[in-house]
N, C-alpha and C. Protein backbone atom coordinates (compact mmCIF):
# COMPACT_ATOMS: atom_id res chain seq x y z
N MET A 1 -33.77 -9.03 20.65
CA MET A 1 -31.65 -8.72 20.76
C MET A 1 -32.37 -7.65 21.55
N THR A 2 -32.18 -7.34 22.91
CA THR A 2 -32.82 -6.76 23.53
C THR A 2 -31.70 -5.17 23.71
N LYS A 3 -32.19 -3.98 24.44
CA LYS A 3 -30.94 -2.44 24.50
C LYS A 3 -29.81 -3.19 24.26
N THR A 4 -29.89 -3.84 25.16
CA THR A 4 -28.49 -4.53 25.96
C THR A 4 -27.63 -4.96 24.93
N GLU A 5 -28.59 -5.46 24.62
CA GLU A 5 -27.33 -6.63 22.99
C GLU A 5 -27.15 -5.56 22.36
N ASN A 6 -28.18 -4.92 22.17
CA ASN A 6 -27.81 -4.53 20.98
C ASN A 6 -26.69 -3.04 21.00
N ARG A 7 -26.34 -2.73 22.79
CA ARG A 7 -25.68 -0.85 22.43
C ARG A 7 -23.47 -2.38 23.09
N ALA A 8 -23.95 -3.65 23.76
CA ALA A 8 -22.82 -4.68 23.15
C ALA A 8 -22.60 -4.72 22.39
N ALA A 9 -23.66 -4.70 20.68
CA ALA A 9 -22.93 -5.21 19.56
C ALA A 9 -22.83 -3.94 19.26
N ALA A 10 -23.10 -2.83 19.35
CA ALA A 10 -22.71 -1.87 18.35
C ALA A 10 -21.45 -1.25 19.00
N LYS A 11 -21.42 -1.85 19.88
CA LYS A 11 -19.69 -1.53 21.06
C LYS A 11 -19.23 -1.94 20.11
N ALA A 12 -18.89 -2.92 19.85
CA ALA A 12 -18.08 -3.94 19.47
C ALA A 12 -17.94 -3.47 18.07
N PHE A 13 -19.09 -3.19 17.72
CA PHE A 13 -18.57 -3.43 15.87
C PHE A 13 -18.17 -2.16 15.52
N HIS A 14 -18.00 -0.89 16.74
CA HIS A 14 -17.47 0.17 16.58
C HIS A 14 -15.88 0.36 17.12
N GLU A 15 -15.30 -0.68 17.79
CA GLU A 15 -14.54 -0.75 18.47
C GLU A 15 -13.65 -1.56 17.65
N GLU A 16 -14.51 -2.64 17.04
CA GLU A 16 -13.58 -3.45 15.88
C GLU A 16 -13.14 -2.00 14.64
N ARG A 17 -14.10 -1.46 14.28
CA ARG A 17 -14.28 -0.34 13.18
C ARG A 17 -12.61 0.52 13.43
N GLU A 18 -12.83 0.41 14.91
CA GLU A 18 -11.70 1.75 14.67
C GLU A 18 -10.37 0.98 14.85
N ARG A 19 -10.35 -0.29 15.71
CA ARG A 19 -8.99 -1.24 15.56
C ARG A 19 -8.85 -1.78 14.10
N LYS A 20 -9.53 -2.07 12.85
CA LYS A 20 -9.33 -1.18 11.34
C LYS A 20 -8.53 0.01 10.50
N ARG A 21 -9.01 1.11 11.27
CA ARG A 21 -8.65 2.09 10.99
C ARG A 21 -7.19 2.33 11.61
N ARG A 22 -6.73 1.75 12.60
CA ARG A 22 -5.76 2.16 13.23
C ARG A 22 -4.38 1.35 12.25
N GLU A 23 -4.43 -0.28 12.66
CA GLU A 23 -4.46 -0.82 10.83
C GLU A 23 -4.09 -0.19 10.15
N GLN A 24 -5.31 -0.12 9.69
CA GLN A 24 -4.17 0.67 7.80
C GLN A 24 -3.86 1.70 8.14
N TRP A 25 -3.57 2.48 9.13
CA TRP A 25 -3.68 3.51 9.19
C TRP A 25 -1.47 3.96 9.60
N ARG A 26 -1.39 2.40 10.29
CA ARG A 26 0.03 2.36 10.73
C ARG A 26 0.31 1.74 9.65
N ALA A 27 -0.18 0.70 9.38
CA ALA A 27 0.20 0.49 7.39
C ALA A 27 0.37 1.25 7.10
N GLN A 28 -0.35 2.80 6.60
CA GLN A 28 0.46 3.64 5.34
C GLN A 28 1.34 4.36 5.87
N ALA A 29 1.81 4.77 7.39
CA ALA A 29 2.46 5.71 7.46
C ALA A 29 3.84 4.17 7.58
N VAL A 30 4.14 3.59 7.64
CA VAL A 30 4.79 2.53 7.48
C VAL A 30 5.14 2.25 6.32
N ALA A 31 4.46 2.30 5.36
CA ALA A 31 4.87 2.27 3.32
C ALA A 31 5.20 3.47 3.60
N ALA A 32 5.10 4.53 4.00
CA ALA A 32 5.68 6.01 3.64
C ALA A 32 6.87 5.79 4.72
N ASP A 33 7.29 5.55 6.04
CA ASP A 33 8.49 5.99 6.25
C ASP A 33 9.86 4.66 5.00
N LEU A 34 9.09 4.16 4.87
CA LEU A 34 9.35 2.11 4.24
C LEU A 34 10.06 3.64 2.61
N GLU A 35 9.51 3.15 2.09
CA GLU A 35 9.58 4.51 1.16
C GLU A 35 11.35 6.12 1.13
N GLN A 36 10.16 6.50 2.41
CA GLN A 36 11.75 7.18 2.77
C GLN A 36 13.21 7.08 3.25
N LEU A 37 13.03 6.22 3.88
CA LEU A 37 14.44 5.40 4.00
C LEU A 37 15.17 4.03 2.74
N GLU A 38 14.08 3.99 1.92
CA GLU A 38 14.95 3.14 0.95
C GLU A 38 15.45 4.17 -0.04
N LYS A 39 15.17 5.05 -0.02
CA LYS A 39 15.21 6.84 -1.18
C LYS A 39 16.77 6.55 -0.73
N LEU A 40 16.47 7.22 1.07
CA LEU A 40 18.13 6.78 1.56
C LEU A 40 19.29 6.07 1.64
N ARG A 41 18.79 5.10 1.77
CA ARG A 41 20.15 3.77 1.16
C ARG A 41 20.13 3.91 -0.01
N ARG A 42 19.34 3.85 -0.77
CA ARG A 42 19.84 3.48 -2.16
C ARG A 42 21.15 5.12 -2.39
N TYR A 43 20.39 6.33 -1.91
CA TYR A 43 21.54 7.43 -2.04
C TYR A 43 23.20 6.69 -1.47
N LEU A 44 22.58 6.48 0.11
CA LEU A 44 24.41 5.88 0.04
C LEU A 44 24.82 4.88 -0.54
N ILE A 45 24.09 3.57 -1.57
CA ILE A 45 24.66 3.13 -2.25
C ILE A 45 26.13 3.44 -3.05
N PHE A 46 24.90 4.44 -4.07
CA PHE A 46 24.60 4.36 -5.25
C PHE A 46 25.62 5.90 -5.35
N ASP A 47 24.73 6.92 -5.08
CA ASP A 47 24.83 8.17 -5.08
C ASP A 47 25.80 9.57 -4.33
N THR A 48 26.01 8.25 -3.40
CA THR A 48 27.46 9.38 -2.46
C THR A 48 28.05 10.23 -2.69
N LYS A 49 28.25 11.46 -2.39
CA LYS A 49 29.34 11.96 -3.26
C LYS A 49 30.98 11.82 -2.79
N ALA A 50 30.61 11.65 -1.72
CA ALA A 50 32.03 11.37 -0.89
C ALA A 50 32.91 9.73 -0.82
N ARG A 51 31.77 9.30 -1.70
CA ARG A 51 32.54 8.25 -2.17
C ARG A 51 33.35 7.12 -0.28
N GLU A 52 32.37 7.58 0.32
CA GLU A 52 33.01 6.84 0.89
C GLU A 52 32.03 5.61 1.92
N PRO A 53 32.17 4.01 1.61
CA PRO A 53 31.30 3.91 1.96
C PRO A 53 30.95 4.13 3.58
N ALA A 54 29.10 3.53 3.36
CA ALA A 54 28.14 4.17 4.68
C ALA A 54 27.10 3.14 5.65
N ARG A 55 28.62 1.57 5.42
CA ARG A 55 28.43 0.71 5.59
C ARG A 55 27.02 0.55 7.59
N GLU A 56 28.03 1.36 8.21
CA GLU A 56 27.57 1.07 9.20
C GLU A 56 25.96 2.07 9.52
N LEU A 57 25.58 3.06 8.70
CA LEU A 57 24.60 3.99 7.91
C LEU A 57 23.57 3.16 7.42
N ILE A 58 24.30 2.49 6.85
CA ILE A 58 22.92 1.76 6.17
C ILE A 58 22.04 0.22 6.46
N ASP A 59 23.12 0.12 7.89
CA ASP A 59 23.14 -1.36 8.48
C ASP A 59 22.05 -0.42 9.49
N ALA A 60 22.54 0.66 9.96
CA ALA A 60 21.22 0.79 10.80
C ALA A 60 19.98 1.41 10.61
N ILE A 61 20.01 1.88 9.10
CA ILE A 61 18.55 1.74 8.40
C ILE A 61 18.29 0.30 8.17
N ASP A 62 18.17 -1.16 7.33
CA ASP A 62 17.58 -1.76 7.68
C ASP A 62 17.59 -2.59 8.93
N ASP A 63 18.10 -2.34 10.56
CA ASP A 63 18.30 -2.87 11.97
C ASP A 63 16.20 -1.56 11.91
N TYR A 64 16.74 -0.85 11.40
CA TYR A 64 15.52 -0.31 11.62
C TYR A 64 14.27 0.11 11.05
N VAL A 65 14.05 -1.10 9.86
CA VAL A 65 13.74 -1.59 8.93
C VAL A 65 13.08 -2.84 9.32
N GLY A 66 14.04 -3.59 10.36
CA GLY A 66 13.20 -4.46 10.58
C GLY A 66 12.87 -4.73 12.27
N LYS A 67 12.79 -3.55 12.80
CA LYS A 67 12.16 -3.89 14.19
C LYS A 67 9.94 -2.56 13.25
N LEU A 68 10.56 -2.09 12.55
CA LEU A 68 9.19 -1.88 11.10
C LEU A 68 8.12 -3.02 11.15
N THR A 69 9.32 -3.66 9.92
CA THR A 69 8.85 -4.53 9.33
C THR A 69 8.43 -6.07 9.76
N GLY A 70 10.02 -6.86 10.96
CA GLY A 70 10.14 -8.02 11.50
C GLY A 70 10.73 -8.23 10.11
N ASP A 71 10.96 -7.78 8.92
CA ASP A 71 11.68 -7.95 8.13
C ASP A 71 13.12 -7.20 7.29
N ARG A 72 14.22 -7.20 8.49
CA ARG A 72 15.00 -6.44 8.32
C ARG A 72 15.37 -6.28 6.67
N GLN A 73 15.53 -7.22 5.69
CA GLN A 73 15.25 -6.76 4.13
C GLN A 73 14.51 -6.94 3.31
N THR A 74 13.86 -6.16 3.87
CA THR A 74 12.83 -5.04 3.66
C THR A 74 13.35 -4.64 2.04
N LEU A 75 13.96 -4.20 2.56
CA LEU A 75 14.19 -2.43 1.06
C LEU A 75 15.58 -3.59 0.33
N HIS A 76 15.76 -4.70 0.60
CA HIS A 76 16.44 -4.77 -0.27
C HIS A 76 16.13 -6.00 -1.77
N GLY A 77 15.54 -4.93 -2.35
CA GLY A 77 14.41 -4.98 -3.29
C GLY A 77 15.54 -5.98 -4.49
N GLN A 78 16.27 -5.44 -4.65
CA GLN A 78 18.14 -5.49 -5.46
C GLN A 78 19.05 -6.39 -5.38
N ASN A 79 19.69 -6.66 -4.95
CA ASN A 79 20.90 -7.41 -4.42
C ASN A 79 21.94 -6.14 -4.61
N HIS A 80 21.96 -5.18 -3.33
CA HIS A 80 22.63 -4.09 -3.55
C HIS A 80 24.29 -4.44 -3.04
N SER A 81 25.46 -4.03 -2.91
CA SER A 81 26.96 -4.16 -2.69
C SER A 81 27.39 -3.15 -2.62
N ILE A 82 27.84 -2.73 -1.59
CA ILE A 82 28.93 -1.38 -1.21
C ILE A 82 30.44 -2.17 -1.51
N GLY A 83 30.80 -0.96 -1.37
CA GLY A 83 33.14 -1.11 -1.21
C GLY A 83 33.06 -1.13 0.22
């Protein structure tokens, strides 16, 4: 392998490693956001003190989760229903 080929291979290896790191970081960031959104969503469904239906806010959370994950129903681990 020539010096030029070695440099090209090293550069490609480095770029792939960086791509994987960015992908892993993004997955961790999305998982952290989903955890917090699930807590908020569960609060709005089950624990709100005002007892006002929060359907619009829950729908907005679900829309945002859909943008993050491609699946709007990611947080629907159980059948949640509100009045």
